[in-house]
PDB file of all heavy atoms in Angstrom:
ATOM      1  N   ASP A   1      97.483  38.800 128.500  1.00  0.00           N
ATOM      2  CA  ASP A   1      96.090  39.191 128.299  1.00  0.00           C
ATOM      3  C   ASP A   1      95.283  37.973 127.853  1.00  0.00           C
ATOM      4  O   ASP A   1      95.412  37.507 126.720  1.00  0.00           O
ATOM      5  CB  ASP A   1      96.043  40.291 127.227  1.00  0.00           C
ATOM      6  CG  ASP A   1      94.643  40.866 127.027  1.00  0.00           C
ATOM      7  OD1 ASP A   1      93.663  40.148 127.303  1.00  0.00           O
ATOM      8  OD2 ASP A   1      94.538  42.019 126.577  1.00  0.00           O
ATOM      9  N   GLN A   2      94.414  37.474 128.727  1.00  0.00           N
ATOM     10  CA  GLN A   2      93.674  36.260 128.388  1.00  0.00           C
ATOM     11  C   GLN A   2      92.670  36.498 127.273  1.00  0.00           C
ATOM     12  O   GLN A   2      92.299  35.580 126.547  1.00  0.00           O
ATOM     13  CB  GLN A   2      93.013  35.663 129.634  1.00  0.00           C
ATOM     14  CG  GLN A   2      92.051  36.577 130.357  1.00  0.00           C
ATOM     15  CD  GLN A   2      90.617  36.367 129.930  1.00  0.00           C
ATOM     16  OE1 GLN A   2      90.273  35.370 129.334  1.00  0.00           O
ATOM     17  NE2 GLN A   2      89.761  37.338 130.233  1.00  0.00           N
ATOM     18  N   THR A   3      92.232  37.745 127.077  1.00  0.00           N
ATOM     19  CA  THR A   3      91.339  38.022 125.949  1.00  0.00           C
ATOM     20  C   THR A   3      92.064  37.818 124.629  1.00  0.00           C
ATOM     21  O   THR A   3      91.514  37.243 123.683  1.00  0.00           O
ATOM     22  CB  THR A   3      90.790  39.463 126.036  1.00  0.00           C
ATOM     23  OG1 THR A   3      90.101  39.628 127.278  1.00  0.00           O
ATOM     24  CG2 THR A   3      89.834  39.751 124.896  1.00  0.00           C
ATOM     25  N   GLU A   4      93.312  38.278 124.551  1.00  0.00           N
ATOM     26  CA  GLU A   4      94.134  38.013 123.367  1.00  0.00           C
ATOM     27  C   GLU A   4      94.282  36.516 123.152  1.00  0.00           C
ATOM     28  O   GLU A   4      94.182  36.016 122.033  1.00  0.00           O
ATOM     29  CB  GLU A   4      95.532  38.638 123.523  1.00  0.00           C
ATOM     30  CG  GLU A   4      95.614  40.082 123.112  1.00  0.00           C
ATOM     31  CD  GLU A   4      97.035  40.615 123.225  1.00  0.00           C
ATOM     32  OE1 GLU A   4      98.005  39.853 123.071  1.00  0.00           O
ATOM     33  OE2 GLU A   4      97.184  41.822 123.464  1.00  0.00           O
ATOM     34  N   ALA A   5      94.522  35.804 124.229  1.00  0.00           N
ATOM     35  CA  ALA A   5      94.767  34.365 124.118  1.00  0.00           C
ATOM     36  C   ALA A   5      93.571  33.636 123.520  1.00  0.00           C
ATOM     37  O   ALA A   5      93.714  32.848 122.584  1.00  0.00           O
ATOM     38  CB  ALA A   5      95.114  33.789 125.496  1.00  0.00           C
ATOM     39  N   VAL A   6      92.382  33.900 124.054  1.00  0.00           N
ATOM     40  CA  VAL A   6      91.213  33.132 123.610  1.00  0.00           C
ATOM     41  C   VAL A   6      90.729  33.552 122.233  1.00  0.00           C
ATOM     42  O   VAL A   6      90.056  32.779 121.542  1.00  0.00           O
ATOM     43  CB  VAL A   6      90.051  33.220 124.634  1.00  0.00           C
ATOM     44  CG1 VAL A   6      90.472  32.663 125.974  1.00  0.00           C
ATOM     45  CG2 VAL A   6      89.547  34.650 124.781  1.00  0.00           C
ATOM     46  N   THR A   7      91.056  34.771 121.796  1.00  0.00           N
ATOM     47  CA  THR A   7      90.592  35.218 120.485  1.00  0.00           C
ATOM     48  C   THR A   7      91.567  34.900 119.367  1.00  0.00           C
ATOM     49  O   THR A   7      91.182  34.891 118.197  1.00  0.00           O
ATOM     50  CB  THR A   7      90.334  36.742 120.478  1.00  0.00           C
ATOM     51  OG1 THR A   7      91.517  37.422 120.907  1.00  0.00           O
ATOM     52  CG2 THR A   7      89.187  37.103 121.393  1.00  0.00           C
ATOM     53  N   MET A   8      92.832  34.591 119.700  1.00  0.00           N
ATOM     54  CA  MET A   8      93.846  34.419 118.661  1.00  0.00           C
ATOM     55  C   MET A   8      94.306  32.976 118.478  1.00  0.00           C
ATOM     56  O   MET A   8      94.563  32.536 117.364  1.00  0.00           O
ATOM     57  CB  MET A   8      95.068  35.294 118.960  1.00  0.00           C
ATOM     58  CG  MET A   8      94.791  36.776 118.932  1.00  0.00           C
ATOM     59  SD  MET A   8      96.246  37.768 119.364  1.00  0.00           S
ATOM     60  CE  MET A   8      97.233  37.582 117.884  1.00  0.00           C
ATOM     61  N   GLY A   9      94.444  32.226 119.555  1.00  0.00           N
ATOM     62  CA  GLY A   9      95.134  30.946 119.493  1.00  0.00           C
ATOM     63  C   GLY A   9      94.287  29.777 119.020  1.00  0.00           C
ATOM     64  O   GLY A   9      93.092  29.708 119.305  1.00  0.00           O
ATOM     65  N   ASP A  10      94.925  28.850 118.285  1.00  0.00           N
ATOM     66  CA  ASP A  10      94.303  27.544 118.029  1.00  0.00           C
ATOM     67  C   ASP A  10      94.196  26.782 119.343  1.00  0.00           C
ATOM     68  O   ASP A  10      93.194  26.131 119.620  1.00  0.00           O
ATOM     69  CB  ASP A  10      95.143  26.732 117.040  1.00  0.00           C
ATOM     70  CG  ASP A  10      95.220  27.386 115.671  1.00  0.00           C
ATOM     71  OD1 ASP A  10      94.204  27.946 115.231  1.00  0.00           O
ATOM     72  OD2 ASP A  10      96.297  27.337 115.054  1.00  0.00           O
ATOM     73  N   ARG A  11      95.265  26.881 120.138  1.00  0.00           N
ATOM     74  CA  ARG A  11      95.274  26.326 121.495  1.00  0.00           C
ATOM     75  C   ARG A  11      95.947  27.332 122.419  1.00  0.00           C
ATOM     76  O   ARG A  11      96.716  28.180 121.996  1.00  0.00           O
ATOM     77  CB  ARG A  11      96.015  24.993 121.549  1.00  0.00           C
ATOM     78  CG  ARG A  11      95.288  23.819 120.926  1.00  0.00           C
ATOM     79  CD  ARG A  11      95.969  22.496 121.286  1.00  0.00           C
ATOM     80  NE  ARG A  11      97.376  22.503 120.898  1.00  0.00           N
ATOM     81  CZ  ARG A  11      98.318  21.726 121.450  1.00  0.00           C
ATOM     82  NH1 ARG A  11      98.010  20.892 122.427  1.00  0.00           N
ATOM     83  NH2 ARG A  11      99.566  21.786 121.016  1.00  0.00           N
ATOM     84  N   ILE A  12      95.650  27.177 123.708  1.00  0.00           N
ATOM     85  CA  ILE A  12      96.234  28.026 124.746  1.00  0.00           C
ATOM     86  C   ILE A  12      96.990  27.139 125.722  1.00  0.00           C
ATOM     87  O   ILE A  12      96.504  26.068 126.097  1.00  0.00           O
ATOM     88  CB  ILE A  12      95.150  28.795 125.519  1.00  0.00           C
ATOM     89  CG1 ILE A  12      94.241  29.575 124.559  1.00  0.00           C
ATOM     90  CG2 ILE A  12      95.769  29.738 126.536  1.00  0.00           C
ATOM     91  CD1 ILE A  12      93.019  30.138 125.247  1.00  0.00           C
ATOM     92  N   ALA A  13      98.167  27.597 126.133  1.00  0.00           N
ATOM     93  CA  ALA A  13      98.913  26.930 127.206  1.00  0.00           C
ATOM     94  C   ALA A  13      99.015  27.916 128.377  1.00  0.00           C
ATOM     95  O   ALA A  13      99.580  28.999 128.219  1.00  0.00           O
ATOM     96  CB  ALA A  13     100.302  26.519 126.733  1.00  0.00           C
ATOM     97  N   VAL A  14      98.433  27.567 129.509  1.00  0.00           N
ATOM     98  CA  VAL A  14      98.432  28.439 130.685  1.00  0.00           C
ATOM     99  C   VAL A  14      99.564  28.021 131.623  1.00  0.00           C
ATOM    100  O   VAL A  14      99.677  26.847 131.991  1.00  0.00           O
ATOM    101  CB  VAL A  14      97.083  28.365 131.431  1.00  0.00           C
ATOM    102  CG1 VAL A  14      97.103  29.244 132.674  1.00  0.00           C
ATOM    103  CG2 VAL A  14      95.951  28.798 130.513  1.00  0.00           C
ATOM    104  N   LEU A  15     100.400  28.992 131.998  1.00  0.00           N
ATOM    105  CA  LEU A  15     101.488  28.737 132.929  1.00  0.00           C
ATOM    106  C   LEU A  15     101.270  29.527 134.214  1.00  0.00           C
ATOM    107  O   LEU A  15     100.677  30.611 134.198  1.00  0.00           O
ATOM    108  CB  LEU A  15     102.848  29.121 132.329  1.00  0.00           C
ATOM    109  CG  LEU A  15     103.397  28.204 131.240  1.00  0.00           C
ATOM    110  CD1 LEU A  15     102.945  28.691 129.869  1.00  0.00           C
ATOM    111  CD2 LEU A  15     104.919  28.156 131.272  1.00  0.00           C
ATOM    112  N   ASN A  16     101.788  28.991 135.321  1.00  0.00           N
ATOM    113  CA  ASN A  16     101.770  29.692 136.598  1.00  0.00           C
ATOM    114  C   ASN A  16     102.948  29.204 137.425  1.00  0.00           C
ATOM    115  O   ASN A  16     103.149  27.996 137.590  1.00  0.00           O
ATOM    116  CB  ASN A  16     100.461  29.427 137.348  1.00  0.00           C
ATOM    117  CG  ASN A  16     100.331  30.276 138.599  1.00  0.00           C
ATOM    118  OD1 ASN A  16     100.725  31.444 138.605  1.00  0.00           O
ATOM    119  ND2 ASN A  16      99.789  29.710 139.657  1.00  0.00           N
ATOM    120  N   ASN A  17     103.751  30.142 137.909  1.00  0.00           N
ATOM    121  CA  ASN A  17     104.940  29.810 138.711  1.00  0.00           C
ATOM    122  C   ASN A  17     105.840  28.800 138.008  1.00  0.00           C
ATOM    123  O   ASN A  17     106.391  27.895 138.641  1.00  0.00           O
ATOM    124  CB  ASN A  17     104.530  29.277 140.089  1.00  0.00           C
ATOM    125  CG  ASN A  17     103.870  30.337 140.943  1.00  0.00           C
ATOM    126  OD1 ASN A  17     104.212  31.517 140.861  1.00  0.00           O
ATOM    127  ND2 ASN A  17     102.909  29.936 141.760  1.00  0.00           N
ATOM    128  N   GLY A  18     105.979  28.944 136.698  1.00  0.00           N
ATOM    129  CA  GLY A  18     106.869  28.073 135.944  1.00  0.00           C
ATOM    130  C   GLY A  18     106.311  26.712 135.616  1.00  0.00           C
ATOM    131  O   GLY A  18     106.983  25.894 134.986  1.00  0.00           O
ATOM    132  N   GLU A  19     105.080  26.446 136.010  1.00  0.00           N
ATOM    133  CA  GLU A  19     104.457  25.140 135.785  1.00  0.00           C
ATOM    134  C   GLU A  19     103.347  25.253 134.746  1.00  0.00           C
ATOM    135  O   GLU A  19     102.526  26.179 134.791  1.00  0.00           O
ATOM    136  CB  GLU A  19     103.851  24.598 137.092  1.00  0.00           C
ATOM    137  CG  GLU A  19     104.824  24.484 138.255  1.00  0.00           C
ATOM    138  CD  GLU A  19     105.613  23.180 138.218  1.00  0.00           C
ATOM    139  OE1 GLU A  19     105.319  22.345 137.351  1.00  0.00           O
ATOM    140  OE2 GLU A  19     106.509  23.024 139.064  1.00  0.00           O
ATOM    141  N   LEU A  20     103.293  24.288 133.841  1.00  0.00           N
ATOM    142  CA  LEU A  20     102.213  24.230 132.856  1.00  0.00           C
ATOM    143  C   LEU A  20     100.947  23.744 133.551  1.00  0.00           C
ATOM    144  O   LEU A  20     100.925  22.666 134.138  1.00  0.00           O
ATOM    145  CB  LEU A  20     102.600  23.292 131.715  1.00  0.00           C
ATOM    146  CG  LEU A  20     101.581  23.141 130.584  1.00  0.00           C
ATOM    147  CD1 LEU A  20     101.363  24.466 129.871  1.00  0.00           C
ATOM    148  CD2 LEU A  20     102.047  22.069 129.592  1.00  0.00           C
ATOM    149  N   GLN A  21      99.875  24.542 133.452  1.00  0.00           N
ATOM    150  CA  GLN A  21      98.622  24.207 134.122  1.00  0.00           C
ATOM    151  C   GLN A  21      97.658  23.433 133.221  1.00  0.00           C
ATOM    152  O   GLN A  21      97.030  22.475 133.655  1.00  0.00           O
ATOM    153  CB  GLN A  21      97.934  25.496 134.596  1.00  0.00           C
ATOM    154  CG  GLN A  21      98.776  26.366 135.506  1.00  0.00           C
ATOM    155  CD  GLN A  21      99.079  25.709 136.823  1.00  0.00           C
ATOM    156  OE1 GLN A  21      98.174  25.255 137.521  1.00  0.00           O
ATOM    157  NE2 GLN A  21     100.349  25.636 137.191  1.00  0.00           N
ATOM    158  N   GLN A  22      97.552  23.861 131.960  1.00  0.00           N
ATOM    159  CA  GLN A  22      96.629  23.211 131.032  1.00  0.00           C
ATOM    160  C   GLN A  22      96.946  23.652 129.611  1.00  0.00           C
ATOM    161  O   GLN A  22      97.363  24.788 129.383  1.00  0.00           O
ATOM    162  CB  GLN A  22      95.174  23.559 131.377  1.00  0.00           C
ATOM    163  CG  GLN A  22      94.133  22.809 130.528  1.00  0.00           C
ATOM    164  CD  GLN A  22      92.695  23.093 130.966  1.00  0.00           C
ATOM    165  OE1 GLN A  22      92.462  23.872 131.879  1.00  0.00           O
ATOM    166  NE2 GLN A  22      91.737  22.457 130.312  1.00  0.00           N
ATOM    167  N   VAL A  23      96.763  22.746 128.667  1.00  0.00           N
ATOM    168  CA  VAL A  23      96.863  23.067 127.236  1.00  0.00           C
ATOM    169  C   VAL A  23      95.569  22.588 126.598  1.00  0.00           C
ATOM    170  O   VAL A  23      95.203  21.418 126.727  1.00  0.00           O
ATOM    171  CB  VAL A  23      98.058  22.360 126.559  1.00  0.00           C
ATOM    172  CG1 VAL A  23      98.206  22.845 125.119  1.00  0.00           C
ATOM    173  CG2 VAL A  23      99.333  22.579 127.333  1.00  0.00           C
ATOM    174  N   ALA A  24      94.874  23.496 125.911  1.00  0.00           N
ATOM    175  CA  ALA A  24      93.591  23.127 125.312  1.00  0.00           C
ATOM    176  C   ALA A  24      93.156  24.211 124.351  1.00  0.00           C
ATOM    177  O   ALA A  24      93.756  25.289 124.285  1.00  0.00           O
ATOM    178  CB  ALA A  24      92.533  22.933 126.402  1.00  0.00           C
ATOM    179  N   THR A  25      92.105  23.927 123.584  1.00  0.00           N
ATOM    180  CA  THR A  25      91.507  24.961 122.751  1.00  0.00           C
ATOM    181  C   THR A  25      90.830  25.980 123.669  1.00  0.00           C
ATOM    182  O   THR A  25      90.509  25.668 124.831  1.00  0.00           O
ATOM    183  CB  THR A  25      90.459  24.374 121.797  1.00  0.00           C
ATOM    184  OG1 THR A  25      89.360  23.871 122.577  1.00  0.00           O
ATOM    185  CG2 THR A  25      91.040  23.245 120.947  1.00  0.00           C
ATOM    186  N   PRO A  26      90.602  27.200 123.164  1.00  0.00           N
ATOM    187  CA  PRO A  26      89.914  28.201 124.009  1.00  0.00           C
ATOM    188  C   PRO A  26      88.582  27.696 124.550  1.00  0.00           C
ATOM    189  O   PRO A  26      88.257  27.902 125.720  1.00  0.00           O
ATOM    190  CB  PRO A  26      89.733  29.379 123.048  1.00  0.00           C
ATOM    191  CG  PRO A  26      90.868  29.269 122.082  1.00  0.00           C
ATOM    192  CD  PRO A  26      91.064  27.799 121.892  1.00  0.00           C
ATOM    193  N   ARG A  27      87.784  27.027 123.728  1.00  0.00           N
ATOM    194  CA  ARG A  27      86.475  26.539 124.176  1.00  0.00           C
ATOM    195  C   ARG A  27      86.613  25.463 125.245  1.00  0.00           C
ATOM    196  O   ARG A  27      85.903  25.466 126.251  1.00  0.00           O
ATOM    197  CB  ARG A  27      85.683  26.012 122.977  1.00  0.00           C
ATOM    198  CG  ARG A  27      84.359  25.339 123.313  1.00  0.00           C
ATOM    199  CD  ARG A  27      83.468  26.164 124.216  1.00  0.00           C
ATOM    200  NE  ARG A  27      83.173  27.482 123.669  1.00  0.00           N
ATOM    201  CZ  ARG A  27      82.556  28.442 124.349  1.00  0.00           C
ATOM    202  NH1 ARG A  27      82.191  28.242 125.614  1.00  0.00           N
ATOM    203  NH2 ARG A  27      82.317  29.617 123.797  1.00  0.00           N
ATOM    204  N   GLU A  28      87.545  24.512 125.037  1.00  0.00           N
ATOM    205  CA  GLU A  28      87.753  23.448 126.030  1.00  0.00           C
ATOM    206  C   GLU A  28      88.193  24.035 127.362  1.00  0.00           C
ATOM    207  O   GLU A  28      87.734  23.603 128.432  1.00  0.00           O
ATOM    208  CB  GLU A  28      88.794  22.456 125.524  1.00  0.00           C
ATOM    209  CG  GLU A  28      88.328  21.577 124.379  1.00  0.00           C
ATOM    210  CD  GLU A  28      89.459  20.801 123.729  1.00  0.00           C
ATOM    211  OE1 GLU A  28      90.645  21.142 123.953  1.00  0.00           O
ATOM    212  OE2 GLU A  28      89.157  19.856 122.986  1.00  0.00           O
ATOM    213  N   MET A  29      89.088  25.023 127.299  1.00  0.00           N
ATOM    214  CA  MET A  29      89.597  25.611 128.538  1.00  0.00           C
ATOM    215  C   MET A  29      88.520  26.406 129.257  1.00  0.00           C
ATOM    216  O   MET A  29      88.459  26.428 130.491  1.00  0.00           O
ATOM    217  CB  MET A  29      90.804  26.499 128.224  1.00  0.00           C
ATOM    218  CG  MET A  29      91.636  26.837 129.428  1.00  0.00           C
ATOM    219  SD  MET A  29      93.238  27.511 128.973  1.00  0.00           S
ATOM    220  CE  MET A  29      94.102  26.059 128.404  1.00  0.00           C
ATOM    221  N   TYR A  30      87.659  27.051 128.503  1.00  0.00           N
ATOM    222  CA  TYR A  30      86.569  27.827 129.102  1.00  0.00           C
ATOM    223  C   TYR A  30      85.528  26.905 129.737  1.00  0.00           C
ATOM    224  O   TYR A  30      85.048  27.158 130.845  1.00  0.00           O
ATOM    225  CB  TYR A  30      85.924  28.697 128.025  1.00  0.00           C
ATOM    226  CG  TYR A  30      84.865  29.638 128.536  1.00  0.00           C
ATOM    227  CD1 TYR A  30      85.203  30.880 129.073  1.00  0.00           C
ATOM    228  CD2 TYR A  30      83.515  29.288 128.474  1.00  0.00           C
ATOM    229  CE1 TYR A  30      84.229  31.741 129.542  1.00  0.00           C
ATOM    230  CE2 TYR A  30      82.541  30.149 128.943  1.00  0.00           C
ATOM    231  CZ  TYR A  30      82.902  31.376 129.471  1.00  0.00           C
ATOM    232  OH  TYR A  30      81.943  32.233 129.945  1.00  0.00           O
ATOM    233  N   ASP A  31      85.189  25.828 129.040  1.00  0.00           N
ATOM    234  CA  ASP A  31      84.148  24.921 129.523  1.00  0.00           C
ATOM    235  C   ASP A  31      84.632  23.961 130.596  1.00  0.00           C
ATOM    236  O   ASP A  31      83.862  23.575 131.479  1.00  0.00           O
ATOM    237  CB  ASP A  31      83.575  24.106 128.357  1.00  0.00           C
ATOM    238  CG  ASP A  31      82.716  24.939 127.424  1.00  0.00           C
ATOM    239  OD1 ASP A  31      82.268  26.034 127.842  1.00  0.00           O
ATOM    240  OD2 ASP A  31      82.497  24.510 126.276  1.00  0.00           O
ATOM    241  N   SER A  32      85.914  23.546 130.519  1.00  0.00           N
ATOM    242  CA  SER A  32      86.426  22.525 131.439  1.00  0.00           C
ATOM    243  C   SER A  32      87.820  22.884 131.943  1.00  0.00           C
ATOM    244  O   SER A  32      88.810  22.215 131.620  1.00  0.00           O
ATOM    245  CB  SER A  32      86.470  21.159 130.745  1.00  0.00           C
ATOM    246  OG  SER A  32      85.205  20.788 130.263  1.00  0.00           O
ATOM    247  N   PRO A  33      87.941  23.959 132.725  1.00  0.00           N
ATOM    248  CA  PRO A  33      89.264  24.308 133.272  1.00  0.00           C
ATOM    249  C   PRO A  33      89.787  23.186 134.157  1.00  0.00           C
ATOM    250  O   PRO A  33      89.024  22.578 134.915  1.00  0.00           O
ATOM    251  CB  PRO A  33      88.994  25.585 134.072  1.00  0.00           C
ATOM    252  CG  PRO A  33      87.528  25.562 134.356  1.00  0.00           C
ATOM    253  CD  PRO A  33      86.888  24.864 133.209  1.00  0.00           C
ATOM    254  N   SER A  34      91.087  22.919 134.069  1.00  0.00           N
ATOM    255  CA  SER A  34      91.648  21.756 134.760  1.00  0.00           C
ATOM    256  C   SER A  34      91.855  21.986 136.254  1.00  0.00           C
ATOM    257  O   SER A  34      91.995  21.030 137.005  1.00  0.00           O
ATOM    258  CB  SER A  34      92.985  21.362 134.124  1.00  0.00           C
ATOM    259  OG  SER A  34      93.940  22.399 134.308  1.00  0.00           O
ATOM    260  N   ASN A  35      91.886  23.242 136.681  1.00  0.00           N
ATOM    261  CA  ASN A  35      92.076  23.519 138.108  1.00  0.00           C
ATOM    262  C   ASN A  35      91.553  24.913 138.445  1.00  0.00           C
ATOM    263  O   ASN A  35      91.097  25.661 137.569  1.00  0.00           O
ATOM    264  CB  ASN A  35      93.548  23.362 138.525  1.00  0.00           C
ATOM    265  CG  ASN A  35      94.485  24.250 137.714  1.00  0.00           C
ATOM    266  OD1 ASN A  35      94.151  25.385 137.386  1.00  0.00           O
ATOM    267  ND2 ASN A  35      95.650  23.727 137.377  1.00  0.00           N
ATOM    268  N   VAL A  36      91.621  25.260 139.712  1.00  0.00           N
ATOM    269  CA  VAL A  36      91.090  26.538 140.191  1.00  0.00           C
ATOM    270  C   VAL A  36      91.820  27.710 139.553  1.00  0.00           C
ATOM    271  O   VAL A  36      91.197  28.725 139.204  1.00  0.00           O
ATOM    272  CB  VAL A  36      91.186  26.611 141.732  1.00  0.00           C
ATOM    273  CG1 VAL A  36      90.929  28.029 142.229  1.00  0.00           C
ATOM    274  CG2 VAL A  36      90.197  25.650 142.371  1.00  0.00           C
TER     275      VAL A  36
END
């Protein structure tokens, strides 16, 4: 649940297909997502 992630974490690590996509604060990830 991405809502849980952005409201709870100091930082978020997003994974997809076993690969780390991005690690950042909720605000950084919202403003500057690293990929589609």
